[in-house]
PDB file of N, CA and C in Angstrom:
ATOM      1  N   MET A   1       0.878  -1.001  -0.146  1.00  0.00           N
ATOM      2  CA  MET A   1       0.051  -0.245  -0.370  1.00  0.00           C
ATOM      3  C   MET A   1       0.943   1.114   0.295  1.00  0.00           C
ATOM      4  N   SER A   2       0.061   2.474  -0.831  1.00  0.00           N
ATOM      5  CA  SER A   2       1.085   3.414  -0.442  1.00  0.00           C
ATOM      6  C   SER A   2       0.014   4.579  -0.321  1.00  0.00           C
ATOM      7  N   PRO A   3       0.347   5.035   1.182  1.00  0.00           N
ATOM      8  CA  PRO A   3      -0.341   6.184   1.479  1.00  0.00           C
ATOM      9  C   PRO A   3       0.542   7.065   1.730  1.00  0.00           C
ATOM     10  N   HIS A   4      -0.211   8.489   1.165  1.00  0.00           N
ATOM     11  CA  HIS A   4      -0.189   9.749   1.307  1.00  0.00           C
ATOM     12  C   HIS A   4       0.749  10.183   2.334  1.00  0.00           C
ATOM     13  N   LYS A   5       1.839  10.789   2.670  1.00  0.00           N
ATOM     14  CA  LYS A   5       2.500  11.734   3.810  1.00  0.00           C
ATOM     15  C   LYS A   5       1.516  13.250   4.349  1.00  0.00           C
ATOM     16  N   LYS A   6       0.968  13.343   4.873  1.00  0.00           N
ATOM     17  CA  LYS A   6       0.018  14.862   5.116  1.00  0.00           C
ATOM     18  C   LYS A   6       0.938  15.969   4.812  1.00  0.00           C
ATOM     19  N   ASP A   7       2.220  15.763   5.254  1.00  0.00           N
ATOM     20  CA  ASP A   7       3.609  16.673   5.111  1.00  0.00           C
ATOM     21  C   ASP A   7       4.106  16.439   4.420  1.00  0.00           C
ATOM     22  N   PRO A   8       4.831  16.636   2.935  1.00  0.00           N
ATOM     23  CA  PRO A   8       5.841  15.923   2.573  1.00  0.00           C
ATOM     24  C   PRO A   8       7.091  16.385   3.341  1.00  0.00           C
ATOM     25  N   GLU A   9       7.536  17.404   4.024  1.00  0.00           N
ATOM     26  CA  GLU A   9       8.564  17.563   4.484  1.00  0.00           C
ATOM     27  C   GLU A   9       8.731  16.746   5.561  1.00  0.00           C
ATOM     28  N   VAL A  10       7.994  15.792   6.403  1.00  0.00           N
ATOM     29  CA  VAL A  10       8.169  14.971   7.113  1.00  0.00           C
ATOM     30  C   VAL A  10       9.237  13.829   6.893  1.00  0.00           C
ATOM     31  N   ALA A  11      10.673  13.916   7.108  1.00  0.00           N
ATOM     32  CA  ALA A  11      11.314  12.841   7.054  1.00  0.00           C
ATOM     33  C   ALA A  11      11.236  11.208   7.403  1.00  0.00           C
ATOM     34  N   ASP A  12      10.599  11.327   8.123  1.00  0.00           N
ATOM     35  CA  ASP A  12      10.474   9.749   8.558  1.00  0.00           C
ATOM     36  C   ASP A  12       9.211   9.884   9.329  1.00  0.00           C
ATOM     37  N   PRO A  13       8.117   9.838   8.805  1.00  0.00           N
ATOM     38  CA  PRO A  13       6.716   9.941   9.052  1.00  0.00           C
ATOM     39  C   PRO A  13       6.054   8.420   9.872  1.00  0.00           C
ATOM     40  N   GLY A  14       5.372   9.019  11.094  1.00  0.00           N
ATOM     41  CA  GLY A  14       4.724   7.595  11.698  1.00  0.00           C
ATOM     42  C   GLY A  14       2.949   7.989  10.910  1.00  0.00           C
ATOM     43  N   PRO A  15       2.827   6.782  12.050  1.00  0.00           N
ATOM     44  CA  PRO A  15       0.947   6.541  11.650  1.00  0.00           C
ATOM     45  C   PRO A  15       0.345   8.234  11.768  1.00  0.00           C
ATOM     46  N   GLU A  16       0.578   8.964  12.634  1.00  0.00           N
ATOM     47  CA  GLU A  16      -0.482  10.195  12.923  1.00  0.00           C
ATOM     48  C   GLU A  16       0.220  11.255  11.202  1.00  0.00           C
ATOM     49  N   ASP A  17       0.755  11.070  10.714  1.00  0.00           N
ATOM     50  CA  ASP A  17       1.745  11.713   9.181  1.00  0.00           C
ATOM     51  C   ASP A  17       1.130  11.501   7.924  1.00  0.00           C
ATOM     52  N   LEU A  18      -0.118  10.066   7.956  1.00  0.00           N
ATOM     53  CA  LEU A  18      -0.958   9.811   6.655  1.00  0.00           C
ATOM     54  C   LEU A  18      -1.753   9.336   6.468  1.00  0.00           C
ATOM     55  N   PHE A  19      -2.019  10.207   5.995  1.00  0.00           N
ATOM     56  CA  PHE A  19      -3.667  10.154   5.537  1.00  0.00           C
ATOM     57  C   PHE A  19      -4.346   8.266   5.558  1.00  0.00           C
ATOM     58  N   LYS A  20      -5.180   8.503   6.072  1.00  0.00           N
ATOM     59  CA  LYS A  20      -6.368   7.313   5.777  1.00  0.00           C
ATOM     60  C   LYS A  20      -6.296   6.124   5.174  1.00  0.00           C
ATOM     61  N   ILE A  21      -6.561   6.957   3.674  1.00  0.00           N
ATOM     62  CA  ILE A  21      -6.965   6.462   2.376  1.00  0.00           C
ATOM     63  C   ILE A  21      -5.858   6.495   2.122  1.00  0.00           C
ATOM     64  N   GLY A  22      -5.882   5.433   0.700  1.00  0.00           N
ATOM     65  CA  GLY A  22      -4.283   5.010   0.258  1.00  0.00           C
ATOM     66  C   GLY A  22      -4.616   4.682  -1.018  1.00  0.00           C
ATOM     67  N   CYS A  23      -3.935   4.077  -1.771  1.00  0.00           N
ATOM     68  CA  CYS A  23      -3.891   3.019  -3.010  1.00  0.00           C
ATOM     69  C   CYS A  23      -2.444   2.023  -2.434  1.00  0.00           C
ATOM     70  N   GLU A  24      -3.594   1.017  -2.988  1.00  0.00           N
ATOM     71  CA  GLU A  24      -2.870  -0.310  -2.969  1.00  0.00           C
ATOM     72  C   GLU A  24      -2.142  -0.732  -4.033  1.00  0.00           C
ATOM     73  N   VAL A  25      -0.733  -1.001  -3.938  1.00  0.00           N
ATOM     74  CA  VAL A  25       0.269  -0.718  -5.076  1.00  0.00           C
ATOM     75  C   VAL A  25       1.044  -1.973  -5.387  1.00  0.00           C
ATOM     76  N   ALA A  26       1.225  -2.258  -6.434  1.00  0.00           N
ATOM     77  CA  ALA A  26       1.803  -3.852  -7.017  1.00  0.00           C
ATOM     78  C   ALA A  26       3.458  -3.488  -7.489  1.00  0.00           C
ATOM     79  N   VAL A  27       4.100  -3.603  -6.580  1.00  0.00           N
ATOM     80  CA  VAL A  27       5.462  -3.304  -7.430  1.00  0.00           C
ATOM     81  C   VAL A  27       6.170  -4.638  -8.069  1.00  0.00           C
ATOM     82  N   GLY A  28       6.559  -3.884  -9.429  1.00  0.00           N
ATOM     83  CA  GLY A  28       6.679  -4.553 -10.815  1.00  0.00           C
ATOM     84  C   GLY A  28       8.256  -5.017 -10.973  1.00  0.00           C
ATOM     85  N   ARG A  29       8.960  -3.756 -10.895  1.00  0.00           N
ATOM     86  CA  ARG A  29      10.638  -3.867 -10.703  1.00  0.00           C
ATOM     87  C   ARG A  29      11.444  -2.859 -10.417  1.00  0.00           C
ATOM     88  N   VAL A  30      12.648  -2.909  -9.405  1.00  0.00           N
ATOM     89  CA  VAL A  30      13.366  -2.072  -8.710  1.00  0.00           C
ATOM     90  C   VAL A  30      14.157  -1.886  -9.784  1.00  0.00           C
ATOM     91  N   LEU A  31      14.785  -0.826 -10.511  1.00  0.00           N
ATOM     92  CA  LEU A  31      15.542  -0.201 -11.394  1.00  0.00           C
ATOM     93  C   LEU A  31      16.775   0.435 -11.416  1.00  0.00           C
ATOM     94  N   HIS A  32      18.066  -0.265 -10.741  1.00  0.00           N
ATOM     95  CA  HIS A  32      19.010   0.809 -10.158  1.00  0.00           C
ATOM     96  C   HIS A  32      19.699   1.561 -11.819  1.00  0.00           C
ATOM     97  N   LEU A  33      19.443   3.271 -11.709  1.00  0.00           N
ATOM     98  CA  LEU A  33      20.224   4.043 -12.642  1.00  0.00           C
ATOM     99  C   LEU A  33      21.709   4.076 -12.828  1.00  0.00           C
ATOM    100  N   PRO A  34      22.513   4.046 -13.867  1.00  0.00           N
ATOM    101  CA  PRO A  34      23.464   4.414 -13.845  1.00  0.00           C
ATOM    102  C   PRO A  34      24.209   5.894 -13.169  1.00  0.00           C
ATOM    103  N   ASP A  35      23.023   6.949 -12.763  1.00  0.00           N
ATOM    104  CA  ASP A  35      23.493   7.983 -12.064  1.00  0.00           C
ATOM    105  C   ASP A  35      23.206   7.540 -10.600  1.00  0.00           C
ATOM    106  N   GLY A  36      22.985   6.502 -10.083  1.00  0.00           N
ATOM    107  CA  GLY A  36      22.747   5.877  -8.681  1.00  0.00           C
ATOM    108  C   GLY A  36      21.611   6.144  -7.927  1.00  0.00           C
ATOM    109  N   ALA A  37      20.647   6.591  -9.137  1.00  0.00           N
ATOM    110  CA  ALA A  37      19.516   6.678  -8.332  1.00  0.00           C
ATOM    111  C   ALA A  37      18.619   5.395  -8.561  1.00  0.00           C
ATOM    112  N   THR A  38      17.732   5.317  -7.690  1.00  0.00           N
ATOM    113  CA  THR A  38      16.859   4.051  -7.979  1.00  0.00           C
ATOM    114  C   THR A  38      15.084   4.480  -8.478  1.00  0.00           C
ATOM    115  N   THR A  39      14.544   4.180  -8.939  1.00  0.00           N
ATOM    116  CA  THR A  39      13.262   4.049  -9.230  1.00  0.00           C
ATOM    117  C   THR A  39      12.541   2.634  -9.317  1.00  0.00           C
ATOM    118  N   VAL A  40      11.263   2.676  -9.054  1.00  0.00           N
ATOM    119  CA  VAL A  40      10.816   1.760  -8.721  1.00  0.00           C
ATOM    120  C   VAL A  40       9.219   1.564  -9.625  1.00  0.00           C
ATOM    121  N   LEU A  41       9.058   0.450 -10.348  1.00  0.00           N
ATOM    122  CA  LEU A  41       8.189   0.551 -11.889  1.00  0.00           C
ATOM    123  C   LEU A  41       7.135  -0.654 -10.451  1.00  0.00           C
ATOM    124  N   SER A  42       6.126   0.902 -10.703  1.00  0.00           N
ATOM    125  CA  SER A  42       4.635   0.184 -10.220  1.00  0.00           C
ATOM    126  C   SER A  42       2.977   0.083 -10.591  1.00  0.00           C
ATOM    127  N   GLN A  43       2.324  -0.616 -10.391  1.00  0.00           N
ATOM    128  CA  GLN A  43       0.725   0.025 -10.726  1.00  0.00           C
ATOM    129  C   GLN A  43      -0.017  -0.282  -9.386  1.00  0.00           C
ATOM    130  N   GLY A  44      -0.977   1.066  -9.923  1.00  0.00           N
ATOM    131  CA  GLY A  44      -1.677   1.206  -8.999  1.00  0.00           C
ATOM    132  C   GLY A  44      -2.765   0.318  -9.259  1.00  0.00           C
ATOM    133  N   ARG A  45      -3.599  -0.014  -7.835  1.00  0.00           N
ATOM    134  CA  ARG A  45      -4.721  -1.643  -7.967  1.00  0.00           C
ATOM    135  C   ARG A  45      -6.126  -0.852  -7.184  1.00  0.00           C
ATOM    136  N   ARG A  46      -6.261  -0.261  -6.417  1.00  0.00           N
ATOM    137  CA  ARG A  46      -7.455   0.119  -5.798  1.00  0.00           C
ATOM    138  C   ARG A  46      -7.296   1.310  -4.703  1.00  0.00           C
ATOM    139  N   ARG A  47      -8.455   1.635  -4.667  1.00  0.00           N
ATOM    140  CA  ARG A  47      -8.273   2.377  -3.457  1.00  0.00           C
ATOM    141  C   ARG A  47      -8.199   1.400  -2.118  1.00  0.00           C
ATOM    142  N   VAL A  48      -7.774   1.986  -1.023  1.00  0.00           N
ATOM    143  CA  VAL A  48      -7.939   1.285   0.188  1.00  0.00           C
ATOM    144  C   VAL A  48      -8.166   2.418   1.626  1.00  0.00           C
ATOM    145  N   GLU A  49      -8.379   1.533   2.663  1.00  0.00           N
ATOM    146  CA  GLU A  49      -8.970   2.934   4.026  1.00  0.00           C
ATOM    147  C   GLU A  49      -8.147   1.710   4.674  1.00  0.00           C
ATOM    148  N   ILE A  50      -6.914   2.530   5.832  1.00  0.00           N
ATOM    149  CA  ILE A  50      -5.983   1.608   6.688  1.00  0.00           C
ATOM    150  C   ILE A  50      -7.199   1.725   7.528  1.00  0.00           C
ATOM    151  N   VAL A  51      -6.921   0.414   7.781  1.00  0.00           N
ATOM    152  CA  VAL A  51      -7.720  -0.077   9.222  1.00  0.00           C
ATOM    153  C   VAL A  51      -6.806  -0.021  10.791  1.00  0.00           C
ATOM    154  N   GLU A  52      -5.784  -0.405  10.416  1.00  0.00           N
ATOM    155  CA  GLU A  52      -5.044  -0.334  11.615  1.00  0.00           C
ATOM    156  C   GLU A  52      -3.055  -0.366  11.553  1.00  0.00           C
ATOM    157  N   PHE A  53      -2.484   0.079  12.332  1.00  0.00           N
ATOM    158  CA  PHE A  53      -0.813  -0.357  12.064  1.00  0.00           C
ATOM    159  C   PHE A  53      -0.618  -1.432  12.660  1.00  0.00           C
ATOM    160  N   ILE A  54       0.688  -2.185  12.268  1.00  0.00           N
ATOM    161  CA  ILE A  54       1.223  -3.386  12.948  1.00  0.00           C
ATOM    162  C   ILE A  54       2.464  -2.411  13.496  1.00  0.00           C
ATOM    163  N   PRO A  55       2.667  -3.046  14.521  1.00  0.00           N
ATOM    164  CA  PRO A  55       3.731  -2.784  14.886  1.00  0.00           C
ATOM    165  C   PRO A  55       4.835  -3.518  14.774  1.00  0.00           C
ATOM    166  N   GLY A  56       6.050  -3.055  15.652  1.00  0.00           N
ATOM    167  CA  GLY A  56       7.364  -3.955  15.563  1.00  0.00           C
ATOM    168  C   GLY A  56       8.241  -4.028  14.243  1.00  0.00           C
ATOM    169  N   ASP A  57       8.155  -3.480  13.242  1.00  0.00           N
ATOM    170  CA  ASP A  57       9.000  -3.543  12.073  1.00  0.00           C
ATOM    171  C   ASP A  57       9.722  -2.529  11.943  1.00  0.00           C
ATOM    172  N   THR A  58      10.685  -2.222  10.999  1.00  0.00           N
ATOM    173  CA  THR A  58      11.593  -1.016  11.455  1.00  0.00           C
ATOM    174  C   THR A  58      11.098  -0.103   9.782  1.00  0.00           C
ATOM    175  N   PHE A  59       9.981  -0.373   9.596  1.00  0.00           N
ATOM    176  CA  PHE A  59       8.941  -0.164   8.013  1.00  0.00           C
ATOM    177  C   PHE A  59       7.347  -0.106   8.835  1.00  0.00           C
ATOM    178  N   LEU A  60       6.716   1.005   8.310  1.00  0.00           N
ATOM    179  CA  LEU A  60       5.594   1.426   8.362  1.00  0.00           C
ATOM    180  C   LEU A  60       4.460   0.424   7.655  1.00  0.00           C
ATOM    181  N   ARG A  61       3.613  -0.819   8.688  1.00  0.00           N
ATOM    182  CA  ARG A  61       2.835  -1.852   7.526  1.00  0.00           C
ATOM    183  C   ARG A  61       1.879  -1.306   8.354  1.00  0.00           C
ATOM    184  N   ALA A  62       0.652  -1.816   7.573  1.00  0.00           N
ATOM    185  CA  ALA A  62      -0.249  -1.506   7.976  1.00  0.00           C
ATOM    186  C   ALA A  62      -2.138  -2.670   7.303  1.00  0.00           C
ATOM    187  N   LYS A  63      -2.807  -2.885   8.015  1.00  0.00           N
ATOM    188  CA  LYS A  63      -3.880  -3.513   7.625  1.00  0.00           C
ATOM    189  C   LYS A  63      -5.072  -2.961   6.894  1.00  0.00           C
ATOM    190  N   ALA A  64      -4.748  -2.807   5.600  1.00  0.00           N
ATOM    191  CA  ALA A  64      -6.362  -1.726   5.226  1.00  0.00           C
ATOM    192  C   ALA A  64      -7.115  -2.803   3.976  1.00  0.00           C
ATOM    193  N   ARG A  65      -8.551  -2.328   4.184  1.00  0.00           N
ATOM    194  CA  ARG A  65      -9.919  -2.717   3.379  1.00  0.00           C
ATOM    195  C   ARG A  65      -9.805  -1.920   1.937  1.00  0.00           C
ATOM    196  N   PRO A  66     -10.410  -3.042   1.129  1.00  0.00           N
ATOM    197  CA  PRO A  66     -10.385  -2.325   0.292  1.00  0.00           C
ATOM    198  C   PRO A  66     -11.413  -1.163   0.178  1.00  0.00           C
ATOM    199  N   ILE A  67     -11.960  -0.140  -0.481  1.00  0.00           N
ATOM    200  CA  ILE A  67     -12.999   0.457  -0.947  1.00  0.00           C
ATOM    201  C   ILE A  67     -13.533   0.413  -2.195  1.00  0.00           C
ATOM    202  N   PHE A  68     -14.444  -0.042  -1.893  1.00  0.00           N
ATOM    203  CA  PHE A  68     -15.239  -0.525  -3.489  1.00  0.00           C
ATOM    204  C   PHE A  68     -16.162   0.473  -3.726  1.00  0.00           C
ATOM    205  N   GLU A  69     -16.464   1.548  -4.711  1.00  0.00           N
ATOM    206  CA  GLU A  69     -17.015   2.387  -5.241  1.00  0.00           C
ATOM    207  C   GLU A  69     -17.495   2.189  -6.547  1.00  0.00           C
ATOM    208  N   PRO A  70     -18.634   1.541  -6.946  1.00  0.00           N
ATOM    209  CA  PRO A  70     -19.747   1.637  -7.794  1.00  0.00           C
ATOM    210  C   PRO A  70     -19.385   2.582  -9.082  1.00  0.00           C
ATOM    211  N   THR A  71     -19.243   2.206  -9.937  1.00  0.00           N
ATOM    212  CA  THR A  71     -18.579   3.626 -10.819  1.00  0.00           C
ATOM    213  C   THR A  71     -19.760   3.182 -12.163  1.00  0.00           C
ATOM    214  N   GLU A  72     -20.270   3.939 -12.524  1.00  0.00           N
ATOM    215  CA  GLU A  72     -21.055   3.603 -14.152  1.00  0.00           C
ATOM    216  C   GLU A  72     -20.225   5.052 -15.184  1.00  0.00           C
ATOM    217  N   LYS A  73     -20.327   4.137 -16.325  1.00  0.00           N
ATOM    218  CA  LYS A  73     -19.760   4.130 -17.428  1.00  0.00           C
ATOM    219  C   LYS A  73     -20.598   4.987 -18.036  1.00  0.00           C
ATOM    220  N   THR A  74     -20.432   5.997 -17.847  1.00  0.00           N
ATOM    221  CA  THR A  74     -21.180   7.125 -18.863  1.00  0.00           C
ATOM    222  C   THR A  74     -19.990   7.348 -20.217  1.00  0.00           C
ATOM    223  N   ARG A  75     -20.978   8.231 -21.154  1.00  0.00           N
ATOM    224  CA  ARG A  75     -20.230   9.271 -22.246  1.00  0.00           C
ATOM    225  C   ARG A  75     -19.272   9.847 -21.588  1.00  0.00           C
ATOM    226  N   GLU A  76     -19.005  10.425 -20.209  1.00  0.00           N
ATOM    227  CA  GLU A  76     -18.525  11.298 -20.359  1.00  0.00           C
ATOM    228  C   GLU A  76     -17.201  10.912 -19.560  1.00  0.00           C
ATOM    229  N   THR A  77     -17.221  10.045 -19.111  1.00  0.00           N
ATOM    230  CA  THR A  77     -16.035   8.896 -18.293  1.00  0.00           C
ATOM    231  C   THR A  77     -15.699   7.912 -19.423  1.00  0.00           C
ATOM    232  N   GLU A  78     -16.075   7.973 -20.353  1.00  0.00           N
ATOM    233  CA  GLU A  78     -15.141   7.384 -21.670  1.00  0.00           C
ATOM    234  C   GLU A  78     -14.386   8.338 -22.505  1.00  0.00           C
ATOM    235  N   ALA A  79     -15.089   9.974 -22.550  1.00  0.00           N
ATOM    236  CA  ALA A  79     -14.182  11.032 -23.113  1.00  0.00           C
ATOM    237  C   ALA A  79     -13.141  10.780 -22.270  1.00  0.00           C
ATOM    238  N   LEU A  80     -13.183  11.306 -20.977  1.00  0.00           N
ATOM    239  CA  LEU A  80     -12.540  11.471 -19.920  1.00  0.00           C
ATOM    240  C   LEU A  80     -11.407  10.424 -20.435  1.00  0.00           C
ATOM    241  N   MET A  81     -11.450   9.216 -19.908  1.00  0.00           N
ATOM    242  CA  MET A  81     -10.741   7.584 -20.491  1.00  0.00           C
ATOM    243  C   MET A  81      -9.760   8.054 -21.634  1.00  0.00           C
ATOM    244  N   ARG A  82     -10.535   8.630 -22.580  1.00  0.00           N
ATOM    245  CA  ARG A  82      -9.719   8.381 -23.919  1.00  0.00           C
ATOM    246  C   ARG A  82      -8.705   9.958 -23.936  1.00  0.00           C
ATOM    247  N   ALA A  83      -8.773  10.548 -23.671  1.00  0.00           N
ATOM    248  CA  ALA A  83      -8.215  11.955 -23.443  1.00  0.00           C
ATOM    249  C   ALA A  83      -7.200  11.686 -22.259  1.00  0.00           C
ATOM    250  N   VAL A  84      -7.011  10.858 -21.483  1.00  0.00           N
ATOM    251  CA  VAL A  84      -5.660  10.815 -20.626  1.00  0.00           C
ATOM    252  C   VAL A  84      -5.043   9.928 -21.218  1.00  0.00           C
ATOM    253  N   PHE A  85      -5.672   8.256 -21.778  1.00  0.00           N
ATOM    254  CA  PHE A  85      -4.684   7.770 -22.653  1.00  0.00           C
ATOM    255  C   PHE A  85      -4.378   8.392 -23.669  1.00  0.00           C
ATOM    256  N   GLY A  86      -5.135   9.375 -24.059  1.00  0.00           N
ATOM    257  CA  GLY A  86      -4.178  10.047 -25.973  1.00  0.00           C
ATOM    258  C   GLY A  86      -2.939  11.003 -25.156  1.00  0.00           C
ATOM    259  N   ALA A  87      -3.158  11.892 -23.766  1.00  0.00           N
ATOM    260  CA  ALA A  87      -1.802  12.095 -23.331  1.00  0.00           C
ATOM    261  C   ALA A  87      -0.968  11.182 -23.076  1.00  0.00           C
ATOM    262  N   LEU A  88      -1.164  10.487 -22.219  1.00  0.00           N
ATOM    263  CA  LEU A  88      -0.255   9.379 -22.241  1.00  0.00           C
ATOM    264  C   LEU A  88       0.691   8.547 -23.383  1.00  0.00           C
ATOM    265  N   ARG A  89       0.230   8.317 -24.238  1.00  0.00           N
ATOM    266  CA  ARG A  89       0.983   7.981 -25.095  1.00  0.00           C
ATOM    267  C   ARG A  89       1.360   8.792 -26.052  1.00  0.00           C
ATOM    268  N   LYS A  90       1.146  10.235 -26.079  1.00  0.00           N
ATOM    269  CA  LYS A  90       1.958  11.213 -26.517  1.00  0.00           C
ATOM    270  C   LYS A  90       3.089  11.430 -25.256  1.00  0.00           C
ATOM    271  N   SER A  91       2.816  11.374 -24.263  1.00  0.00           N
ATOM    272  CA  SER A  91       4.474  11.699 -23.294  1.00  0.00           C
ATOM    273  C   SER A  91       5.040  10.700 -23.201  1.00  0.00           C
ATOM    274  N   ARG A  92       4.868   9.582 -23.781  1.00  0.00           N
ATOM    275  CA  ARG A  92       5.637   8.402 -23.761  1.00  0.00           C
ATOM    276  C   ARG A  92       6.827   8.835 -25.018  1.00  0.00           C
ATOM    277  N   PRO A  93       8.408   8.332 -24.330  1.00  0.00           N
ATOM    278  CA  PRO A  93       8.982   8.874 -25.271  1.00  0.00           C
ATOM    279  C   PRO A  93       9.103   7.507 -26.709  1.00  0.00           C
ATOM    280  N   ALA A  94       9.630   8.494 -27.434  1.00  0.00           N
ATOM    281  CA  ALA A  94       9.368   6.988 -29.088  1.00  0.00           C
ATOM    282  C   ALA A  94      10.375   6.313 -29.196  1.00  0.00           C
TER     283      ALA A  94
END
């Protein structure tokens, strides 16, 4: 899960520094770039709500429940999806 920090300036956030709604993320690959940086290829899966934090680790772990929101596929949402996909295609390097 990938919760967002309330304040991006907080270097070592605790549970109180995170929003309770986040995105479940599937990590695909970790890439080590030539300049020494590391980047992660990941895919957002679904919205989730943090139920509780699990104590005892050196990093934050949480139990979360999925948030199910029925969506109606309207002409407007289809047009927005086409616009987003078109923008993503244009932004990809050749």
